[in-house]
Protein backbone atom coordinates (compact mmCIF):
# COMPACT_ATOMS: atom_id res chain seq x y z
CA MET A 1 -37.24 27.87 -9.27
CA PRO A 2 -34.61 25.25 -10.28
CA THR A 3 -35.56 21.64 -10.40
CA SER A 4 -33.85 19.04 -8.26
CA ARG A 5 -32.16 17.75 -11.36
CA HIS A 6 -30.15 20.97 -11.56
CA PHE A 7 -28.95 20.70 -7.97
CA SER A 8 -28.52 16.96 -7.46
CA ASP A 9 -25.37 16.68 -5.36
CA ARG A 10 -23.96 13.47 -6.84
CA LEU A 11 -21.69 13.31 -9.89
CA PRO A 12 -22.16 10.57 -12.53
CA ARG A 13 -19.49 7.83 -12.71
CA ARG A 14 -18.05 7.98 -16.24
CA LEU A 15 -14.28 7.36 -15.90
CA GLY A 16 -12.64 3.96 -16.33
CA LEU A 17 -9.17 2.70 -15.34
CA LEU A 18 -7.37 4.06 -18.42
CA ASP A 19 -9.01 7.48 -18.04
CA ALA A 20 -8.01 7.65 -14.36
CA VAL A 21 -4.38 6.65 -15.10
CA VAL A 22 -4.09 9.15 -17.93
CA ILE A 23 -5.48 12.02 -15.83
CA GLY A 24 -2.85 11.22 -13.18
CA LEU A 25 -0.09 11.11 -15.81
CA GLY A 26 -1.27 14.39 -17.30
CA SER A 27 -0.79 16.05 -13.92
CA MET A 28 2.56 14.56 -12.99
CA LEU A 29 4.48 14.58 -16.26
CA GLY A 30 3.84 18.21 -17.14
CA ALA A 31 4.75 19.83 -13.84
CA GLY A 32 7.78 17.76 -12.92
CA ILE A 33 9.97 17.44 -15.96
CA PHE A 34 9.55 20.93 -17.35
CA ALA A 35 9.12 22.97 -14.16
CA ALA A 36 10.65 21.34 -11.07
CA LEU A 37 13.79 19.71 -12.49
CA ALA A 38 15.95 22.86 -12.62
CA PRO A 39 15.20 24.26 -9.13
CA ALA A 40 15.65 20.77 -7.69
CA ALA A 41 19.05 20.49 -9.39
CA ARG A 42 20.02 23.89 -7.97
CA ALA A 43 19.29 22.56 -4.50
CA ALA A 44 20.82 19.08 -4.77
CA GLY A 45 23.50 19.49 -7.44
CA SER A 46 24.84 16.08 -8.42
CA GLY A 47 22.58 14.54 -5.77
CA LEU A 48 19.49 15.23 -7.90
CA LEU A 49 18.69 11.55 -8.40
CA ILE A 50 18.84 10.97 -4.62
CA GLY A 51 16.35 13.81 -4.13
CA LEU A 52 14.17 12.20 -6.78
CA ALA A 53 14.32 8.90 -4.90
CA VAL A 54 13.34 10.63 -1.63
CA ALA A 55 10.37 12.29 -3.34
CA ALA A 56 9.36 8.96 -4.88
CA VAL A 57 9.38 7.15 -1.52
CA VAL A 58 7.24 9.82 0.14
CA ALA A 59 4.96 9.90 -2.89
CA TYR A 60 4.59 6.11 -2.79
CA CYS A 61 3.54 6.22 0.87
CA ASN A 62 1.09 9.01 0.12
CA ALA A 63 -0.25 7.19 -2.93
CA THR A 64 -0.81 4.02 -0.91
CA SER A 65 -2.61 5.95 1.81
CA SER A 66 -4.68 7.81 -0.80
CA ALA A 67 -5.65 4.59 -2.56
CA ARG A 68 -6.81 2.99 0.71
CA LEU A 69 -8.81 6.06 1.66
CA ALA A 70 -10.28 6.62 -1.80
CA ALA A 71 -11.47 3.02 -1.94
CA ARG A 72 -13.23 3.48 1.39
CA TYR A 73 -14.58 6.98 0.59
CA PRO A 74 -15.13 7.13 -3.21
CA THR A 75 -16.45 10.69 -3.37
CA SER A 76 -15.08 13.97 -4.72
CA GLY A 77 -12.79 15.92 -2.41
CA GLY A 78 -9.73 13.75 -1.72
CA ALA A 79 -8.01 14.42 1.63
CA TYR A 80 -10.70 16.97 2.50
CA VAL A 81 -13.17 14.09 2.74
CA TYR A 82 -10.66 11.70 4.35
CA GLY A 83 -9.65 14.17 7.06
CA ARG A 84 -13.27 15.01 7.80
CA GLU A 85 -14.34 11.35 8.06
CA ARG A 86 -11.35 10.01 10.03
CA LEU A 87 -10.09 13.02 12.04
CA GLY A 88 -12.93 15.52 12.29
CA GLU A 89 -14.39 18.47 10.45
CA PHE A 90 -11.57 20.94 11.17
CA TRP A 91 -8.80 18.71 9.77
CA GLY A 92 -10.82 17.95 6.67
CA TYR A 93 -11.42 21.65 6.17
CA LEU A 94 -7.71 22.44 6.62
CA ALA A 95 -6.76 19.81 4.04
CA GLY A 96 -9.28 21.19 1.58
CA TRP A 97 -8.13 24.75 2.24
CA SER A 98 -4.48 23.83 1.64
CA PHE A 99 -5.35 22.06 -1.57
CA VAL A 100 -7.61 24.71 -3.08
CA VAL A 101 -5.34 27.68 -2.30
CA GLY A 102 -2.07 25.98 -3.22
CA LYS A 103 -3.35 24.34 -6.37
CA THR A 104 -5.09 27.47 -7.61
CA ALA A 105 -1.65 29.11 -7.54
CA SER A 106 -0.26 26.05 -9.34
CA CYS A 107 -2.88 26.50 -12.06
CA ALA A 108 -1.64 30.01 -12.66
CA ALA A 109 1.98 28.83 -12.65
CA MET A 110 1.23 26.19 -15.29
CA ALA A 111 -0.66 28.72 -17.40
CA LEU A 112 2.29 31.12 -17.23
CA THR A 113 4.62 28.26 -18.17
CA VAL A 114 2.61 27.78 -21.35
CA GLY A 115 2.94 31.48 -22.13
CA THR A 116 6.67 31.57 -21.38
CA TYR A 117 7.40 28.74 -23.80
CA LEU A 118 5.03 29.72 -26.61
CA TRP A 119 5.29 33.52 -26.58
CA PRO A 120 7.93 34.79 -24.12
CA GLU A 121 7.14 38.43 -24.94
CA ARG A 122 3.43 38.03 -24.01
CA PRO A 123 3.27 35.19 -21.50
CA ARG A 124 0.28 36.51 -19.56
CA LEU A 125 -1.85 36.89 -22.67
CA VAL A 126 -1.20 33.28 -23.64
CA ALA A 127 -1.77 32.20 -20.04
CA VAL A 128 -5.21 33.77 -19.87
CA ALA A 129 -6.18 32.31 -23.25
CA SER A 130 -5.04 28.86 -22.09
CA VAL A 131 -7.11 29.02 -18.89
CA LEU A 132 -10.22 30.14 -20.77
CA ALA A 133 -9.86 27.43 -23.40
CA LEU A 134 -9.34 24.60 -20.91
CA ALA A 135 -12.09 25.88 -18.62
CA ALA A 136 -14.45 25.71 -21.61
CA ILE A 137 -13.42 22.08 -22.20
CA THR A 138 -13.92 21.00 -18.58
CA TYR A 139 -17.27 22.77 -18.59
CA ARG A 140 -18.44 20.45 -21.39
CA GLY A 141 -17.82 17.30 -19.37
CA VAL A 142 -15.14 15.23 -17.62
CA GLN A 143 -15.02 12.58 -20.37
CA LYS A 144 -13.98 15.19 -22.94
CA SER A 145 -11.27 16.30 -20.50
CA ALA A 146 -9.99 12.71 -20.20
CA VAL A 147 -9.84 12.32 -24.00
CA LEU A 148 -7.83 15.54 -24.37
CA THR A 149 -5.49 14.54 -21.54
CA ARG A 150 -4.82 11.20 -23.27
CA ALA A 151 -3.67 13.03 -26.41
CA ILE A 152 -1.49 15.43 -24.37
CA VAL A 153 0.22 12.57 -22.50
CA GLY A 154 1.02 10.80 -25.78
CA ILE A 155 2.65 13.92 -27.25
CA VAL A 156 4.66 14.66 -24.11
CA LEU A 157 5.97 11.09 -23.88
CA ALA A 158 7.08 11.25 -27.53
CA VAL A 159 8.95 14.53 -26.92
CA LEU A 160 10.62 13.21 -23.77
CA ALA A 161 11.69 10.05 -25.60
CA ALA A 162 13.30 12.22 -28.30
CA VAL A 163 15.19 14.22 -25.63
CA VAL A 164 16.49 11.05 -23.97
CA ILE A 165 17.63 9.53 -27.27
CA ALA A 166 19.34 12.79 -28.30
CA ALA A 167 21.15 13.04 -24.97
CA VAL A 168 22.37 9.46 -24.64
CA ARG A 169 23.58 9.32 -28.26
CA SER A 170 25.37 12.65 -28.06
CA PRO A 171 29.20 12.82 -27.93
CA ALA A 172 28.69 15.32 -25.08
CA ALA A 173 27.17 12.64 -22.85
CA ASP A 174 29.44 11.69 -19.94
CA LEU A 175 28.39 9.11 -17.34
CA GLY A 176 30.94 10.64 -14.98
CA ARG A 177 28.53 13.54 -14.46
CA LEU A 178 26.27 11.14 -12.55
CA ASP A 179 28.88 10.73 -9.79
CA ILE A 180 28.02 12.25 -6.42
CA GLY A 181 30.25 15.26 -5.87
CA PRO A 182 31.25 17.35 -2.84
CA ASP A 183 28.45 19.84 -3.59
CA VAL A 184 25.82 17.46 -2.20
CA SER A 185 24.33 18.13 1.25
CA LEU A 186 21.55 16.45 3.18
CA HIS A 187 19.55 19.68 3.32
CA GLY A 188 19.95 20.20 -0.43
CA VAL A 189 18.83 16.67 -1.23
CA LEU A 190 15.78 16.98 1.03
CA GLN A 191 14.89 20.37 -0.45
CA ALA A 192 15.14 18.87 -3.93
CA GLY A 193 12.87 16.07 -2.75
CA GLY A 194 10.33 18.62 -1.53
CA LEU A 195 10.43 20.52 -4.82
CA LEU A 196 10.17 17.33 -6.88
CA PHE A 197 7.27 16.14 -4.74
CA PHE A 198 5.32 18.95 -6.41
CA ALA A 199 5.75 16.95 -9.60
CA PHE A 200 4.55 13.63 -8.16
CA ALA A 201 1.45 15.09 -6.51
CA GLY A 202 -0.64 14.68 -9.66
CA TYR A 203 -1.92 11.27 -8.58
CA ALA A 204 -4.17 13.18 -6.19
CA ARG A 205 -6.24 14.12 -9.23
CA ILE A 206 -7.38 10.49 -9.40
CA ALA A 207 -8.57 10.56 -5.80
CA THR A 208 -10.29 13.94 -6.09
CA LEU A 209 -12.25 12.60 -9.07
CA GLY A 210 -13.29 9.54 -7.04
CA GLU A 211 -16.99 10.27 -7.32
CA GLU A 212 -16.77 10.17 -11.14
CA VAL A 213 -14.83 6.87 -11.40
CA ARG A 214 -16.59 3.60 -12.22
CA ASP A 215 -16.04 0.82 -9.66
CA PRO A 216 -13.92 3.20 -7.49
CA THR A 217 -12.82 0.62 -4.91
CA ARG A 218 -10.98 -1.35 -7.59
CA THR A 219 -10.20 1.35 -10.15
CA ILE A 220 -8.59 3.91 -7.84
CA ALA A 221 -6.52 1.29 -6.00
CA ARG A 222 -5.05 0.22 -9.36
CA ALA A 223 -4.83 3.58 -11.12
CA ILE A 224 -2.77 5.46 -8.50
CA PRO A 225 0.22 3.06 -8.28
CA VAL A 226 0.22 2.49 -12.06
CA ALA A 227 0.35 6.22 -12.81
CA LEU A 228 2.99 6.81 -10.12
CA THR A 229 5.22 3.97 -11.37
CA ILE A 230 5.08 5.12 -15.00
CA THR A 231 5.90 8.68 -13.94
CA LEU A 232 8.85 7.59 -11.78
CA VAL A 233 10.36 5.59 -14.64
CA VAL A 234 9.99 8.57 -16.98
CA TYR A 235 11.48 10.99 -14.42
CA VAL A 236 14.51 8.83 -13.68
CA THR A 237 15.19 8.25 -17.37
CA VAL A 238 14.88 11.90 -18.39
CA ALA A 239 16.77 13.27 -15.36
CA THR A 240 19.61 10.80 -15.93
CA ALA A 241 19.86 11.72 -19.61
CA ALA A 242 19.87 15.45 -18.82
CA LEU A 243 22.54 15.00 -16.14
CA THR A 244 24.85 13.18 -18.55
CA VAL A 245 25.02 16.20 -20.89
CA LEU A 246 24.65 19.10 -18.42
CA GLY A 247 25.72 17.81 -15.01
CA GLY A 248 24.07 18.83 -11.75
CA SER A 249 25.33 22.42 -11.71
CA GLY A 250 24.58 22.96 -15.40
CA LEU A 251 21.08 21.57 -15.04
CA GLY A 252 20.39 23.86 -12.09
CA ALA A 253 21.68 26.97 -13.86
CA VAL A 254 19.19 27.02 -16.76
CA ALA A 255 15.55 28.06 -17.01
CA ALA A 256 14.52 25.44 -19.57
CA PRO A 257 16.64 22.39 -18.73
CA LEU A 258 15.43 20.02 -21.44
CA VAL A 259 15.83 22.67 -24.14
CA ASP A 260 19.41 23.22 -22.95
CA ALA A 261 19.99 19.46 -22.81
CA VAL A 262 19.08 19.21 -26.49
CA ARG A 263 21.31 22.21 -27.24
CA ALA A 264 24.20 20.57 -25.38
CA ALA A 265 23.57 17.39 -27.38
CA ASP A 266 24.11 19.51 -30.53
CA LEU A 267 20.59 18.98 -31.89
CA PRO A 268 19.22 22.53 -32.16
CA ALA A 269 16.60 21.39 -34.69
CA LEU A 270 14.86 19.53 -31.87
CA MET A 271 14.58 22.60 -29.63
CA PRO A 272 11.29 23.94 -31.11
CA ALA A 273 9.67 20.54 -30.59
CA VAL A 274 10.83 20.49 -26.97
CA ARG A 275 9.41 23.97 -26.39
CA ILE A 276 6.07 22.94 -27.88
CA GLY A 277 6.15 19.72 -25.85
CA ALA A 278 6.77 21.73 -22.67
CA ALA A 279 3.79 23.97 -23.42
CA ILE A 280 1.58 20.96 -24.12
CA ALA A 281 2.76 19.28 -20.90
CA ALA A 282 1.91 22.40 -18.91
CA LEU A 283 -1.51 22.45 -20.57
CA GLY A 284 -2.04 18.85 -19.45
CA SER A 285 -1.14 19.77 -15.88
CA LEU A 286 -3.36 22.82 -15.99
CA LEU A 287 -6.30 20.77 -17.26
CA ALA A 288 -5.95 18.18 -14.49
CA LEU A 289 -5.44 20.89 -11.85
CA LEU A 290 -8.60 22.72 -12.90
CA LEU A 291 -10.51 19.45 -12.56
CA GLY A 292 -9.08 18.65 -9.12
CA VAL A 293 -9.48 22.11 -7.59
CA SER A 294 -13.06 22.51 -8.80
CA ARG A 295 -14.03 19.07 -7.41
CA THR A 296 -12.53 19.87 -4.01
CA ALA A 297 -14.31 23.23 -3.98
CA PHE A 298 -17.52 21.39 -4.92
CA ALA A 299 -17.08 18.94 -2.01
CA MET A 300 -16.34 21.73 0.48
CA ALA A 301 -19.38 23.70 -0.71
CA ARG A 302 -21.54 20.60 -0.32
CA ASP A 303 -20.54 20.56 3.35
CA GLY A 304 -21.14 24.28 3.86
CA HIS A 305 -17.47 25.41 4.01
CA LEU A 306 -17.87 27.33 0.76
CA PRO A 307 -21.02 28.93 -0.73
CA ARG A 308 -23.72 26.34 -1.44
CA ALA A 309 -24.19 27.77 -4.93
CA LEU A 310 -20.98 25.96 -5.92
CA THR A 311 -22.74 22.58 -5.55
CA ALA A 312 -24.78 23.14 -8.73
CA ILE A 313 -24.29 20.35 -11.29
CA HIS A 314 -24.97 21.01 -14.97
CA PRO A 315 -28.03 18.99 -16.07
CA SER A 316 -26.56 17.79 -19.37
CA THR A 317 -22.78 17.55 -18.83
CA GLY A 318 -22.87 16.37 -15.21
CA VAL A 319 -20.04 18.69 -14.05
CA PRO A 320 -19.99 21.11 -11.07
CA HIS A 321 -20.11 24.03 -13.49
CA ARG A 322 -20.32 26.88 -10.99
CA ALA A 323 -17.31 25.61 -9.07
CA GLU A 324 -15.42 25.33 -12.36
CA LEU A 325 -16.35 28.89 -13.34
CA VAL A 326 -15.24 30.32 -9.98
CA VAL A 327 -11.93 28.43 -10.02
CA GLY A 328 -11.25 29.42 -13.63
CA SER A 329 -11.96 33.07 -12.84
CA ALA A 330 -9.60 33.01 -9.84
CA VAL A 331 -6.82 31.53 -11.98
CA VAL A 332 -7.30 34.19 -14.66
CA ILE A 333 -6.99 36.92 -12.02
CA LEU A 334 -3.79 35.37 -10.65
CA THR A 335 -2.18 35.04 -14.08
CA THR A 336 -2.74 38.74 -14.78
CA THR A 337 -1.78 40.19 -11.39
CA THR A 338 0.65 37.89 -9.59
CA ASP A 339 4.33 37.01 -9.93
CA LEU A 340 4.42 33.27 -9.36
CA ARG A 341 8.11 32.48 -9.55
CA GLY A 342 7.89 30.93 -6.10
CA ALA A 343 4.73 28.97 -6.93
CA ILE A 344 6.42 25.58 -6.90
CA GLY A 345 7.70 25.98 -3.35
CA PHE A 346 4.42 27.46 -2.11
CA SER A 347 2.38 24.75 -3.79
CA SER A 348 4.69 22.04 -2.46
CA PHE A 349 4.16 23.27 1.10
CA GLY A 350 0.39 23.24 0.66
CA VAL A 351 0.34 19.79 -0.92
CA LEU A 352 2.70 18.32 1.69
CA THR A 353 0.38 19.69 4.41
CA TYR A 354 -2.55 18.13 2.58
CA TYR A 355 -0.80 14.75 2.61
CA VAL A 356 0.19 14.93 6.26
CA ILE A 357 -3.53 15.00 7.00
CA ALA A 358 -4.23 12.26 4.45
CA ASN A 359 -1.58 9.97 5.97
CA VAL A 360 -2.83 10.54 9.52
CA ALA A 361 -6.35 9.77 8.28
CA ALA A 362 -5.07 6.55 6.65
CA TRP A 363 -3.23 5.62 9.86
CA ASN A 364 -6.56 5.97 11.63
CA LEU A 365 -8.25 3.37 9.41
CA PRO A 366 -9.05 0.00 11.01
CA TYR A 367 -6.14 -2.35 10.31
CA LYS A 368 -5.27 -5.90 11.28
CA GLY A 369 -1.69 -5.71 12.49
CA ARG A 370 0.74 -2.80 12.90
CA LEU A 371 2.72 -3.24 9.69
CA ARG A 372 0.07 -1.63 7.49
CA ARG A 373 0.24 1.50 9.67
CA ALA A 374 3.96 1.87 8.90
CA VAL A 375 3.29 3.25 5.41
CA PRO A 376 1.07 6.20 6.44
CA ALA A 377 3.38 6.89 9.42
CA LEU A 378 6.41 7.10 7.10
CA GLY A 379 4.43 9.20 4.64
CA ALA A 380 3.36 11.73 7.27
CA ALA A 381 6.89 12.00 8.69
CA GLY A 382 8.37 12.38 5.22
CA CYS A 383 5.93 15.16 4.33
CA ILE A 384 6.77 17.09 7.49
CA VAL A 385 10.53 16.81 6.88
CA LEU A 386 10.29 17.84 3.21
CA ALA A 387 8.00 20.78 4.01
CA GLY A 388 10.48 22.03 6.61
CA THR A 389 13.38 22.01 4.14
CA LEU A 390 11.64 24.06 1.43
CA PRO A 391 12.87 27.64 0.77
CA ILE A 392 12.09 29.78 3.81
CA GLU A 393 9.84 32.18 1.89
CA SER A 394 7.68 29.23 0.80
CA VAL A 395 7.43 27.97 4.38
CA ILE A 396 6.45 31.41 5.71
CA ALA A 397 3.82 31.90 2.99
CA GLY A 398 2.47 28.40 3.53
CA VAL A 399 2.17 28.79 7.30
CA SER A 400 0.46 32.15 6.82
CA VAL A 401 -2.13 30.57 4.53
CA LEU A 402 -2.78 27.78 7.04
CA VAL A 403 -3.28 30.31 9.85
CA LEU A 404 -5.66 32.31 7.67
CA GLY A 405 -7.63 29.17 6.87
CA ALA A 406 -7.86 28.15 10.51
CA ALA A 407 -8.96 31.67 11.49
CA THR A 408 -11.65 31.66 8.79
CA TYR A 409 -12.95 28.31 10.00
CA THR A 410 -13.03 29.48 13.62
CA ALA A 411 -14.80 32.73 12.74
CA ARG A 412 -17.44 30.86 10.75
CA ARG A 413 -18.08 28.50 13.66
CA VAL A 414 -18.38 31.38 16.13
CA ILE A 415 -20.84 33.22 13.88
CA SER A 416 -22.90 30.03 13.38
CA SER A 417 -22.98 29.38 17.12
CA GLY A 418 -24.10 32.95 17.80
CA ARG A 419 -26.96 32.62 15.34
CA GLY A 420 -27.98 29.37 16.90
CA ARG A 421 -28.40 31.03 20.31
CA VAL A 422 -30.50 33.89 18.95
């Protein structure tokens, strides 16, 4: 019979401020620049930077709400915990459900991105190998994951800096391509904002790791805005540089926008480095996603919404190893069986739903004065608007998943109530 040490339900606090910031950067930089930029440009055209600004404002509101909530509830689970504590069990469950399902799909999308860049002829093989390798790293402990993420972020920032320098120094660069043209529509800008929000959502990784952060009240409140600000500066700089050489329509017409930006800048020698940088960035996102999803699954299992076996904590590494194994296995299955071309839109819908609940939970915190409630109110409204402007297939799939989650919760409650009367 296992000892209590094997099944203690509290995670050790091992992450400092720098680790928390880097984990957030590892999530945001990989997904946004290399995955969401092109579909966002297709939606907004020359209004891409406006869509980026919309996403940044909503993300700032969500980050502020998340920081307030994480400081008050410094445990693993993110908005699942916040919704449960401030709004009730059902809303916490729905937030957790949205996060786990949507982000598991995002894990597979990031893994397939690695495969597409490194070995286009065998992307699924590379994807599976990537998931297995990173799952093995997270299994050995969260500190080792933070160290690896720090190295990944450094490499990605170096590659992005090279792309920006190549673009702005190129004779092909034309500041006139930044002008807002007649192709811009309000719906397109908002849809671009919703797609780019997928890229900003990485700061949630900091909150979902709240139980493993030292001095969480202070560390999380500082780490989230720092990571978000750095990411926004990088996004604006890279998007502006890419627009100057490709324009809005050109940027939206390519599969690998930064590779094509370097090609347009007439520096083909840099293209292999950009491809490798894209793969490394996707690996960084995948690593952080695996951490976040497994911690939310761990928190939901601790409350009985998922099998209790997932609450097991490894006695030497201090990680929820069974939750990590289950999540890793689910991602491997998805990478080998599912076409995830619409994963960004689907994941964006799930994450925006997650943050609607988080913002309402933050609005429900005790405040002195009404002004502090304006931020979560704006964040919730922004999430609802952006979710509604996503591609229709993403909205339908997202609503279907929410209905399935609500039905599962209701069925479990009915079964539990029936057993209680027997």
